[in-house]
Protein backbone atom coordinates (compact mmCIF):
# COMPACT_ATOMS: atom_id res chain seq x y z
CA MET A 1 122.31 81.71 83.98
CA ALA A 2 123.07 79.99 87.28
CA LEU A 3 124.99 81.96 89.87
CA SER A 4 128.61 81.12 90.49
CA ALA A 5 129.52 80.37 94.11
CA LYS A 6 131.34 83.71 94.27
CA GLU A 7 128.32 85.63 92.97
CA HIS A 8 125.98 83.79 95.32
CA LYS A 9 128.20 84.50 98.34
CA GLU A 10 128.45 88.19 97.45
CA LEU A 11 124.68 88.53 97.10
CA GLU A 12 124.08 86.80 100.44
CA GLU A 13 126.57 89.11 102.14
CA THR A 14 124.98 92.13 100.49
CA ALA A 15 121.48 91.13 101.60
CA ASN A 16 122.74 90.68 105.16
CA ARG A 17 124.54 94.02 105.12
CA LEU A 18 121.35 95.71 103.93
CA ARG A 19 119.27 94.00 106.61
CA LEU A 20 121.69 95.26 109.27
CA LEU A 21 121.59 98.76 107.79
CA THR A 22 117.78 98.61 107.78
CA LEU A 23 117.81 97.57 111.43
CA ASP A 24 120.09 100.52 112.21
CA THR A 25 117.75 102.87 110.35
CA VAL A 26 114.76 101.62 112.32
CA ASN A 27 116.76 102.15 115.51
CA TRP A 28 117.79 105.69 114.56
CA ALA A 29 114.21 106.57 113.62
CA GLY A 30 112.63 105.11 116.72
CA GLY A 31 110.53 102.74 114.64
CA GLY A 32 109.75 101.64 111.10
CA HIS A 33 108.06 99.10 108.85
CA ILE A 34 110.72 96.50 109.53
CA GLY A 35 108.80 93.24 108.95
CA GLY A 36 108.08 93.82 105.27
CA ALA A 37 111.48 95.40 104.68
CA MET A 38 113.17 92.22 105.90
CA SER A 39 110.94 89.92 103.84
CA SER A 40 111.66 91.99 100.70
CA MET A 41 115.41 92.45 101.14
CA ASP A 42 116.47 89.40 99.14
CA VAL A 43 114.55 90.48 96.05
CA LEU A 44 115.77 94.08 96.40
CA THR A 45 119.33 92.75 96.59
CA VAL A 46 118.91 90.59 93.49
CA LEU A 47 117.26 93.42 91.56
CA TYR A 48 119.82 96.12 92.32
CA HIS A 49 122.96 93.96 92.42
CA HIS A 50 122.27 91.41 89.70
CA GLU A 51 119.14 91.82 87.60
CA MET A 52 118.61 95.46 86.73
CA ASN A 53 120.55 97.82 84.50
CA PHE A 54 120.87 100.43 87.23
CA SER A 55 123.64 102.00 89.28
CA ALA A 56 124.40 105.28 91.02
CA ASP A 57 125.99 106.66 87.86
CA LYS A 58 122.95 105.66 85.77
CA MET A 59 120.24 107.33 87.86
CA ASP A 60 119.44 109.71 84.99
CA ASP A 61 120.33 107.39 82.12
CA PRO A 62 117.25 107.21 79.86
CA ASP A 63 118.05 103.56 79.12
CA ARG A 64 118.18 102.44 82.76
CA ASP A 65 115.74 99.84 84.04
CA ARG A 66 112.94 101.20 86.22
CA PHE A 67 111.85 99.98 89.65
CA VAL A 68 108.61 100.99 91.35
CA LEU A 69 108.30 100.33 95.08
CA SER A 70 104.52 100.08 95.29
CA LYS A 71 104.71 98.88 98.92
CA GLY A 72 106.13 102.29 99.71
CA HIS A 73 105.90 101.93 103.48
CA ILE A 74 109.17 99.96 103.45
CA GLY A 75 111.17 103.11 102.79
CA VAL A 76 113.15 102.11 105.87
CA GLY A 77 114.60 99.31 103.73
CA MET A 78 114.63 101.06 100.36
CA GLY A 79 116.67 103.96 101.72
CA PRO A 80 119.53 101.69 102.79
CA VAL A 81 119.47 99.95 99.40
CA LEU A 82 119.94 103.25 97.55
CA ALA A 83 122.45 104.65 100.03
CA ASP A 84 124.51 101.46 99.82
CA LEU A 85 124.59 101.84 96.03
CA GLY A 86 125.95 105.37 96.41
CA CYS A 87 122.83 107.18 95.20
CA PHE A 88 123.01 109.47 98.23
CA PRO A 89 125.25 109.74 101.33
CA LYS A 90 124.83 107.08 104.00
CA ASP A 91 124.89 109.80 106.65
CA TRP A 92 121.34 110.65 105.58
CA LEU A 93 120.10 107.37 107.06
CA PRO A 94 120.30 108.41 110.74
CA THR A 95 117.89 111.24 109.86
CA TYR A 96 115.24 108.89 108.43
CA SER A 97 111.73 109.96 109.52
CA HIS A 98 113.10 113.05 111.28
CA ILE A 99 111.81 116.59 110.74
CA LEU A 100 113.42 118.28 107.70
CA SER A 101 115.11 115.04 106.61
CA HIS A 102 115.46 114.07 102.97
CA LEU A 103 114.06 110.69 104.03
CA GLY A 104 110.44 110.55 105.11
CA ILE A 105 108.71 107.36 106.25
CA HIS A 106 107.36 107.18 102.69
CA LEU A 107 110.23 108.22 100.44
CA ASP A 108 109.81 111.27 98.19
CA ALA A 109 111.28 110.94 94.69
CA GLY A 110 111.79 114.70 94.65
CA LYS A 111 114.20 114.41 97.57
CA VAL A 112 115.71 110.92 97.23
CA PRO A 113 118.15 110.38 94.34
CA GLY A 114 117.69 107.02 92.62
CA LEU A 115 114.02 106.65 93.57
CA GLU A 116 111.81 106.57 90.47
CA VAL A 117 108.47 107.58 92.00
CA SER A 118 106.93 108.58 95.32
CA THR A 119 104.67 105.89 96.74
CA GLY A 120 102.98 105.08 100.02
CA SER A 121 99.28 105.24 99.29
CA LEU A 122 98.89 101.56 98.50
CA GLY A 123 97.68 100.20 95.18
CA HIS A 124 99.10 102.84 92.83
CA GLY A 125 102.51 101.47 91.89
CA LEU A 126 101.45 98.85 89.38
CA SER A 127 99.55 101.41 87.29
CA LEU A 128 102.65 103.60 87.23
CA ALA A 129 104.77 100.62 86.21
CA VAL A 130 102.38 99.67 83.40
CA GLY A 131 102.66 103.21 82.06
CA MET A 132 106.45 103.12 82.20
CA ALA A 133 106.55 99.80 80.37
CA LEU A 134 104.16 101.04 77.70
CA GLY A 135 106.30 104.17 77.35
CA ALA A 136 109.39 102.08 76.70
CA ARG A 137 107.56 100.17 74.00
CA GLN A 138 106.29 103.37 72.37
CA LEU A 139 109.83 104.74 72.31
CA GLY A 140 111.33 101.51 71.00
CA LYS A 141 113.52 101.18 74.10
CA GLU A 142 114.90 98.00 75.64
CA TRP A 143 114.63 98.93 79.31
CA ARG A 144 112.47 96.87 81.62
CA THR A 145 110.19 97.87 84.47
CA TYR A 146 109.86 96.06 87.80
CA CYS A 147 107.18 96.67 90.44
CA LEU A 148 107.18 95.33 94.01
CA MET A 149 103.85 95.04 95.82
CA GLY A 150 102.72 93.57 99.12
CA ASP A 151 100.16 90.79 99.43
CA GLY A 152 98.01 92.91 101.73
CA GLU A 153 98.26 95.70 99.15
CA CYS A 154 96.50 93.44 96.68
CA ASN A 155 93.27 94.12 98.60
CA GLU A 156 93.26 97.39 96.63
CA GLY A 157 91.03 97.40 93.54
CA SER A 158 93.45 99.62 91.63
CA ILE A 159 95.94 96.74 91.56
CA TRP A 160 93.48 94.67 89.55
CA GLU A 161 92.66 97.52 87.16
CA ALA A 162 96.37 97.73 86.37
CA ALA A 163 96.60 93.94 86.08
CA MET A 164 93.79 93.94 83.54
CA SER A 165 95.36 96.66 81.40
CA ALA A 166 98.84 95.09 81.44
CA GLY A 167 97.42 91.78 80.26
CA GLN A 168 95.27 93.44 77.61
CA PHE A 169 98.22 95.40 76.19
CA LYS A 170 100.61 92.42 76.40
CA VAL A 171 103.24 94.43 78.27
CA ASP A 172 106.01 91.84 78.22
CA ASN A 173 108.72 94.25 79.39
CA LEU A 174 107.02 94.45 82.79
CA VAL A 175 107.75 92.21 85.78
CA GLY A 176 105.39 92.47 88.72
CA ILE A 177 106.49 91.08 92.07
CA VAL A 178 104.30 90.38 95.09
CA ASP A 179 105.92 89.87 98.48
CA VAL A 180 103.62 87.16 99.82
CA ASN A 181 104.74 87.32 103.44
CA HIS A 182 101.26 86.28 104.63
CA ALA A 183 100.91 89.15 107.10
CA MET A 184 99.68 92.73 107.10
CA ILE A 185 99.23 95.53 109.60
CA ASP A 186 96.13 94.13 111.30
CA GLY A 187 96.58 90.38 111.04
CA MET A 188 97.43 87.44 108.83
CA THR A 189 96.49 88.08 105.21
CA ALA A 190 94.33 84.97 104.93
CA ASP A 191 92.26 86.11 107.92
CA VAL A 192 91.91 89.77 106.94
CA MET A 193 91.21 89.35 103.21
CA GLY A 194 92.11 86.03 101.62
CA LEU A 195 93.71 86.15 98.17
CA GLU A 196 93.57 82.52 97.07
CA PRO A 197 93.56 81.27 94.41
CA PHE A 198 96.08 84.07 93.97
CA ALA A 199 98.11 82.75 91.03
CA ASP A 200 94.95 81.93 89.09
CA LYS A 201 93.74 85.51 89.48
CA TRP A 202 96.84 86.83 87.71
CA ARG A 203 96.64 84.15 85.03
CA ALA A 204 93.04 85.16 84.37
CA PHE A 205 94.33 88.62 83.45
CA ASN A 206 96.82 87.11 80.96
CA TRP A 207 99.94 87.22 83.13
CA GLU A 208 102.66 84.58 83.16
CA VAL A 209 102.95 83.55 86.80
CA ILE A 210 106.17 82.32 88.41
CA GLU A 211 105.84 81.10 92.00
CA VAL A 212 109.17 81.35 93.79
CA LYS A 213 110.75 81.11 97.23
CA GLY A 214 111.25 84.79 97.79
CA ASN A 215 113.91 84.42 100.47
CA SER A 216 116.11 82.21 98.26
CA ILE A 217 118.56 84.27 96.26
CA PRO A 218 119.36 81.51 93.69
CA ASP A 219 115.65 80.86 93.13
CA LEU A 220 115.01 84.57 92.59
CA VAL A 221 117.83 84.79 90.05
CA ASP A 222 116.38 81.81 88.18
CA ALA A 223 112.90 83.37 88.24
CA PHE A 224 114.12 86.65 86.76
CA ASP A 225 116.05 84.73 84.09
CA ARG A 226 112.86 82.91 83.17
CA ALA A 227 110.88 86.16 83.09
CA ARG A 228 113.19 87.47 80.37
CA THR A 229 112.08 84.63 78.09
CA ILE A 230 108.35 85.43 78.35
CA LYS A 231 106.89 87.12 75.28
CA GLY A 232 103.44 88.52 74.64
CA LYS A 233 102.38 88.97 78.26
CA PRO A 234 103.61 90.51 81.51
CA THR A 235 105.22 88.33 84.17
CA MET A 236 104.23 88.11 87.83
CA LEU A 237 106.59 86.73 90.46
CA LEU A 238 104.65 85.54 93.49
CA MET A 239 107.28 85.33 96.22
CA ASP A 240 106.57 83.15 99.22
CA THR A 241 108.46 84.94 102.00
CA VAL A 242 108.66 85.29 105.77
CA LYS A 243 107.72 88.54 107.47
CA GLY A 244 110.78 89.70 109.41
CA GLU A 245 113.12 87.26 107.61
CA GLY A 246 116.47 86.99 109.40
CA ILE A 247 115.40 88.26 112.82
CA ASP A 248 114.12 85.21 114.64
CA TYR A 249 111.80 86.89 117.12
CA MET A 250 110.09 88.86 114.31
CA GLU A 251 109.68 86.05 111.80
CA GLY A 252 106.07 85.33 110.85
CA ASP A 253 104.69 87.78 113.41
CA TYR A 254 102.32 90.36 111.92
CA THR A 255 102.78 92.65 114.92
CA TRP A 256 106.21 93.46 113.48
CA HIS A 257 104.63 95.05 110.40
CA TYR A 258 105.76 98.24 112.14
CA GLY A 259 107.84 98.25 115.26
CA ALA A 260 110.64 99.72 117.33
CA VAL A 261 113.62 98.03 118.95
CA ASP A 262 115.05 98.83 122.36
CA ASP A 263 118.71 98.13 123.17
CA GLU A 264 118.02 94.51 124.12
CA LYS A 265 115.94 93.77 121.02
CA TYR A 266 118.50 95.52 118.82
CA ALA A 267 121.33 93.37 120.18
CA LYS A 268 119.28 90.20 119.74
CA ALA A 269 118.44 91.20 116.16
CA VAL A 270 122.11 91.76 115.30
CA GLU A 271 123.04 88.33 116.65
CA SER A 272 120.14 86.72 114.80
CA LEU A 273 121.22 88.31 111.51
CA LYS A 274 124.77 87.04 112.03
CA ARG A 275 123.43 83.49 112.47
CA HIS A 276 121.14 83.96 109.49
CA LEU A 277 124.07 84.86 107.24
CA GLN A 278 126.14 81.94 108.49
CA LYS A 279 123.34 79.48 107.72
CA ARG A 280 122.95 80.95 104.26
CA LEU A 281 126.66 80.83 103.48
CA GLU A 282 126.73 77.16 104.47
CA LEU A 283 124.34 76.54 101.56
CA VAL A 284 126.51 78.28 98.97
CA LYS A 285 127.71 75.52 96.67
CA GLY A 286 131.43 75.44 96.04
CA ALA A 287 132.19 78.25 98.47
């Protein structure tokens, strides 16, 4: 179902708020994986504020939808998402990546309420998600499982083992998502380890592939709506995104895979995010 202008505006404002909170968390920590957190923030916003059956009061509900953050290094963005939902106090965020904090660089599900699994060693999340989806089917449950990966992460062979099994077992309650931001820690993805033809690889493993503009909230909503209609196979959303989306001096620059901001860069980032929101709100139809 298409978003109303009110819903669209609220999601844009939420995504911007979460980007600002992520920037603050990077600043408090003295550094963080900010580039991939910014490129993923639109899909995290749509998942947690529109698509999934999940909220702070459903963290232990057996019928909740499950989300696996396979690209676990963006805990600096995932923490703000969960804190903003009320899963844990926001005053934990200034302690991110500090000694004895609840919030490590790679978030620990044993310490972070609302987080389904601990991740960080790349390539493992999709296998976990396949198991969760198969578990729901075995139990006759309606909940769905979502798994967010990075494009650089798809260099890992374990991703493709999981892809093969999901296709074989026709796990149609599973939605995989790849943040195709074209950059990884040591360069542009195409230069380090090219993935093309990427969509065809997933199709070869019996996945339905939806290619989507991953920094367009309405397009993401439409893609998830379409995924719900797919039967007999898992769905893969390949999101074309921009590393560092919203902060102009970071956009498309792989060196911001991980980075720190001084006072000047922080101020410039805040102003850039304000402009980014304004441009987005100008595109909201009927607002």
